[in-house]
N, C-alpha and C. Protein backbone atom coordinates (compact mmCIF):
# COMPACT_ATOMS: atom_id res chain seq x y z
N MET A 1 0.84 -1.18 0.00
CA MET A 1 0.00 0.00 0.00
C MET A 1 0.89 1.25 0.00
N PRO A 2 0.61 2.20 -0.89
CA PRO A 2 1.43 3.41 -0.98
C PRO A 2 1.34 4.28 0.28
N LEU A 3 2.38 5.05 0.50
CA LEU A 3 2.44 6.01 1.59
C LEU A 3 2.44 7.39 0.97
N THR A 4 1.49 8.24 1.36
CA THR A 4 1.41 9.59 0.82
C THR A 4 1.59 10.60 1.94
N ILE A 5 2.48 11.57 1.67
CA ILE A 5 2.79 12.63 2.63
C ILE A 5 2.58 13.96 1.92
N THR A 6 1.91 14.88 2.58
CA THR A 6 1.70 16.21 2.01
C THR A 6 2.51 17.21 2.82
N ILE A 7 3.32 18.00 2.11
CA ILE A 7 4.15 19.02 2.76
C ILE A 7 3.79 20.39 2.19
N LYS A 8 4.18 21.43 2.89
CA LYS A 8 3.99 22.79 2.40
C LYS A 8 4.91 23.00 1.20
N LYS A 9 4.41 23.63 0.18
CA LYS A 9 5.20 23.91 -1.02
C LYS A 9 6.31 24.90 -0.67
N PRO A 10 7.56 24.58 -1.01
CA PRO A 10 8.66 25.52 -0.74
C PRO A 10 8.43 26.85 -1.46
N GLU A 11 8.84 27.93 -0.83
CA GLU A 11 8.69 29.25 -1.45
C GLU A 11 9.42 29.32 -2.78
N ASP A 12 10.62 28.77 -2.82
CA ASP A 12 11.40 28.75 -4.06
C ASP A 12 11.45 27.31 -4.56
N LEU A 13 10.37 26.88 -5.18
CA LEU A 13 10.25 25.50 -5.64
C LEU A 13 11.35 25.13 -6.63
N ARG A 14 11.68 26.03 -7.51
CA ARG A 14 12.70 25.75 -8.52
C ARG A 14 14.04 25.39 -7.86
N SER A 15 14.45 26.19 -6.89
CA SER A 15 15.72 25.92 -6.19
C SER A 15 15.64 24.62 -5.39
N ALA A 16 14.49 24.35 -4.79
CA ALA A 16 14.32 23.10 -4.03
C ALA A 16 14.46 21.90 -4.95
N LEU A 17 13.92 21.98 -6.16
CA LEU A 17 14.03 20.87 -7.10
C LEU A 17 15.46 20.70 -7.60
N VAL A 18 16.16 21.79 -7.82
CA VAL A 18 17.57 21.71 -8.23
C VAL A 18 18.38 21.01 -7.14
N LYS A 19 18.15 21.39 -5.88
CA LYS A 19 18.86 20.75 -4.77
C LYS A 19 18.50 19.28 -4.67
N ALA A 20 17.22 18.95 -4.80
CA ALA A 20 16.79 17.55 -4.70
C ALA A 20 17.40 16.71 -5.82
N LYS A 21 17.44 17.25 -7.04
CA LYS A 21 18.04 16.52 -8.16
C LYS A 21 19.53 16.32 -7.93
N HIS A 22 20.20 17.35 -7.42
CA HIS A 22 21.63 17.24 -7.12
C HIS A 22 21.88 16.18 -6.07
N ASP A 23 21.11 16.22 -4.99
CA ASP A 23 21.28 15.24 -3.91
C ASP A 23 20.99 13.82 -4.40
N ALA A 24 19.96 13.67 -5.22
CA ALA A 24 19.62 12.34 -5.76
C ALA A 24 20.77 11.83 -6.62
N ASN A 25 21.29 12.67 -7.49
CA ASN A 25 22.39 12.28 -8.37
C ASN A 25 23.62 11.88 -7.56
N LYS A 26 23.89 12.62 -6.51
CA LYS A 26 25.04 12.36 -5.65
C LYS A 26 24.95 10.96 -5.01
N HIS A 27 23.73 10.49 -4.80
CA HIS A 27 23.52 9.18 -4.16
C HIS A 27 23.03 8.11 -5.13
N ASN A 28 23.26 8.35 -6.43
CA ASN A 28 22.89 7.40 -7.48
C ASN A 28 21.41 7.03 -7.46
N ILE A 29 20.56 8.01 -7.24
CA ILE A 29 19.11 7.82 -7.26
C ILE A 29 18.57 8.49 -8.52
N ALA A 30 17.75 7.76 -9.25
CA ALA A 30 17.12 8.31 -10.45
C ALA A 30 16.06 9.32 -10.02
N PHE A 31 16.11 10.51 -10.61
CA PHE A 31 15.13 11.55 -10.26
C PHE A 31 14.83 12.37 -11.50
N GLU A 32 13.56 12.45 -11.85
CA GLU A 32 13.12 13.28 -12.97
C GLU A 32 11.91 14.07 -12.51
N GLY A 33 11.81 15.29 -12.96
CA GLY A 33 10.63 16.04 -12.61
C GLY A 33 10.75 17.51 -12.94
N ASN A 34 9.65 18.19 -12.73
CA ASN A 34 9.59 19.63 -12.97
C ASN A 34 8.73 20.27 -11.88
N GLU A 35 8.27 21.47 -12.12
CA GLU A 35 7.51 22.20 -11.11
C GLU A 35 6.05 21.77 -11.02
N ARG A 36 5.69 20.70 -11.72
CA ARG A 36 4.33 20.15 -11.63
C ARG A 36 4.31 18.75 -11.04
N SER A 37 5.27 17.91 -11.47
CA SER A 37 5.29 16.52 -10.99
C SER A 37 6.63 15.88 -11.32
N GLY A 38 6.86 14.72 -10.73
CA GLY A 38 8.09 14.00 -11.00
C GLY A 38 8.10 12.66 -10.30
N ASN A 39 9.23 11.95 -10.47
CA ASN A 39 9.36 10.64 -9.84
C ASN A 39 10.83 10.33 -9.61
N GLY A 40 11.04 9.34 -8.77
CA GLY A 40 12.39 8.91 -8.47
C GLY A 40 12.40 7.47 -8.00
N SER A 41 13.59 6.86 -8.10
CA SER A 41 13.72 5.48 -7.63
C SER A 41 15.18 5.17 -7.34
N GLY A 42 15.36 4.22 -6.44
CA GLY A 42 16.69 3.76 -6.09
C GLY A 42 16.69 3.10 -4.73
N TYR A 43 17.60 2.16 -4.53
CA TYR A 43 17.77 1.46 -3.26
C TYR A 43 16.48 0.80 -2.77
N GLY A 44 15.68 0.28 -3.69
CA GLY A 44 14.45 -0.40 -3.32
C GLY A 44 13.25 0.50 -3.14
N PHE A 45 13.44 1.80 -3.40
CA PHE A 45 12.34 2.76 -3.28
C PHE A 45 11.86 3.19 -4.66
N LYS A 46 10.59 3.50 -4.74
CA LYS A 46 10.02 4.11 -5.94
C LYS A 46 8.97 5.10 -5.45
N GLY A 47 9.06 6.34 -5.94
CA GLY A 47 8.12 7.36 -5.49
C GLY A 47 7.85 8.41 -6.54
N SER A 48 6.90 9.27 -6.23
CA SER A 48 6.54 10.35 -7.14
C SER A 48 6.06 11.55 -6.33
N TYR A 49 5.93 12.68 -7.00
CA TYR A 49 5.39 13.86 -6.34
C TYR A 49 4.51 14.63 -7.31
N LYS A 50 3.56 15.37 -6.75
CA LYS A 50 2.69 16.27 -7.51
C LYS A 50 2.66 17.59 -6.77
N VAL A 51 2.76 18.68 -7.51
CA VAL A 51 2.77 20.00 -6.92
C VAL A 51 1.39 20.64 -7.09
N TYR A 52 0.88 21.18 -6.01
CA TYR A 52 -0.38 21.90 -6.02
C TYR A 52 -0.11 23.36 -5.67
N SER A 53 -1.12 24.19 -5.60
CA SER A 53 -0.91 25.62 -5.40
C SER A 53 -0.14 25.95 -4.12
N ASP A 54 -0.39 25.24 -3.03
CA ASP A 54 0.31 25.54 -1.78
C ASP A 54 0.91 24.32 -1.10
N SER A 55 0.91 23.18 -1.78
CA SER A 55 1.45 21.97 -1.17
C SER A 55 2.09 21.06 -2.22
N VAL A 56 2.84 20.10 -1.72
CA VAL A 56 3.45 19.06 -2.56
C VAL A 56 3.05 17.72 -1.95
N GLU A 57 2.50 16.87 -2.78
CA GLU A 57 2.09 15.54 -2.35
C GLU A 57 3.15 14.54 -2.80
N ILE A 58 3.77 13.87 -1.85
CA ILE A 58 4.82 12.89 -2.13
C ILE A 58 4.26 11.51 -1.84
N THR A 59 4.35 10.62 -2.83
CA THR A 59 3.83 9.27 -2.67
C THR A 59 4.96 8.26 -2.86
N VAL A 60 5.12 7.38 -1.89
CA VAL A 60 6.09 6.30 -1.97
C VAL A 60 5.31 5.05 -2.36
N GLN A 61 5.53 4.59 -3.60
CA GLN A 61 4.80 3.42 -4.09
C GLN A 61 5.46 2.10 -3.69
N LYS A 62 6.78 2.14 -3.51
CA LYS A 62 7.51 0.93 -3.19
C LYS A 62 8.62 1.27 -2.20
N LYS A 63 8.82 0.37 -1.21
CA LYS A 63 9.86 0.58 -0.21
C LYS A 63 10.41 -0.77 0.22
N PRO A 64 11.62 -0.80 0.74
CA PRO A 64 12.14 -2.05 1.30
C PRO A 64 11.27 -2.47 2.49
N PRO A 65 10.98 -3.74 2.63
CA PRO A 65 10.09 -4.19 3.70
C PRO A 65 10.61 -3.94 5.11
N VAL A 66 11.90 -3.81 5.27
CA VAL A 66 12.45 -3.62 6.63
C VAL A 66 12.38 -2.18 7.11
N ILE A 67 12.00 -1.26 6.25
CA ILE A 67 11.93 0.16 6.63
C ILE A 67 10.47 0.52 6.88
N THR A 68 10.19 1.06 8.06
CA THR A 68 8.81 1.38 8.43
C THR A 68 8.32 2.66 7.74
N LYS A 69 7.02 2.75 7.60
CA LYS A 69 6.43 3.95 7.02
C LYS A 69 6.71 5.18 7.87
N SER A 70 6.69 5.03 9.18
CA SER A 70 6.95 6.18 10.04
C SER A 70 8.38 6.69 9.88
N LYS A 71 9.32 5.79 9.68
CA LYS A 71 10.72 6.21 9.46
C LYS A 71 10.83 6.98 8.13
N ILE A 72 10.12 6.52 7.12
CA ILE A 72 10.12 7.20 5.82
C ILE A 72 9.50 8.58 5.95
N GLU A 73 8.35 8.67 6.64
CA GLU A 73 7.69 9.95 6.85
C GLU A 73 8.63 10.95 7.52
N LYS A 74 9.27 10.52 8.59
CA LYS A 74 10.19 11.40 9.33
C LYS A 74 11.35 11.86 8.45
N ALA A 75 11.91 10.93 7.65
CA ALA A 75 13.04 11.28 6.79
C ALA A 75 12.61 12.29 5.72
N ILE A 76 11.46 12.07 5.11
CA ILE A 76 10.98 13.00 4.08
C ILE A 76 10.70 14.37 4.68
N GLU A 77 10.02 14.41 5.81
CA GLU A 77 9.71 15.69 6.44
C GLU A 77 10.98 16.43 6.85
N LYS A 78 11.97 15.71 7.35
CA LYS A 78 13.24 16.35 7.74
C LYS A 78 13.94 16.90 6.51
N TYR A 79 14.04 16.08 5.45
CA TYR A 79 14.73 16.53 4.23
C TYR A 79 14.01 17.73 3.64
N CYS A 80 12.71 17.66 3.51
CA CYS A 80 11.95 18.75 2.89
C CYS A 80 11.99 20.02 3.74
N GLY A 81 12.13 19.87 5.03
CA GLY A 81 12.24 21.03 5.91
C GLY A 81 13.55 21.79 5.71
N ASN A 82 14.53 21.13 5.08
CA ASN A 82 15.83 21.76 4.83
C ASN A 82 15.99 22.27 3.41
N LEU A 83 14.93 22.22 2.62
CA LEU A 83 15.05 22.67 1.22
C LEU A 83 14.93 24.17 1.12
């Protein structure tokens, strides 16, 4: 079952996406997207995002079974809080 997390849209979405793409590339994670939607995968994860007027919806479709959903939520929220 997918895990969906909604976060506040960063004020400078373009810069946040540039940073996210850079970080993904640095860790050999596939990441494609723009200011409307995108997706990424690597290390047993597969996810996507959709941008709305004031929020970003991040959905994790696939994850390693040993990693809990709450751990993923915390990691995403922490990372996005630093964008």
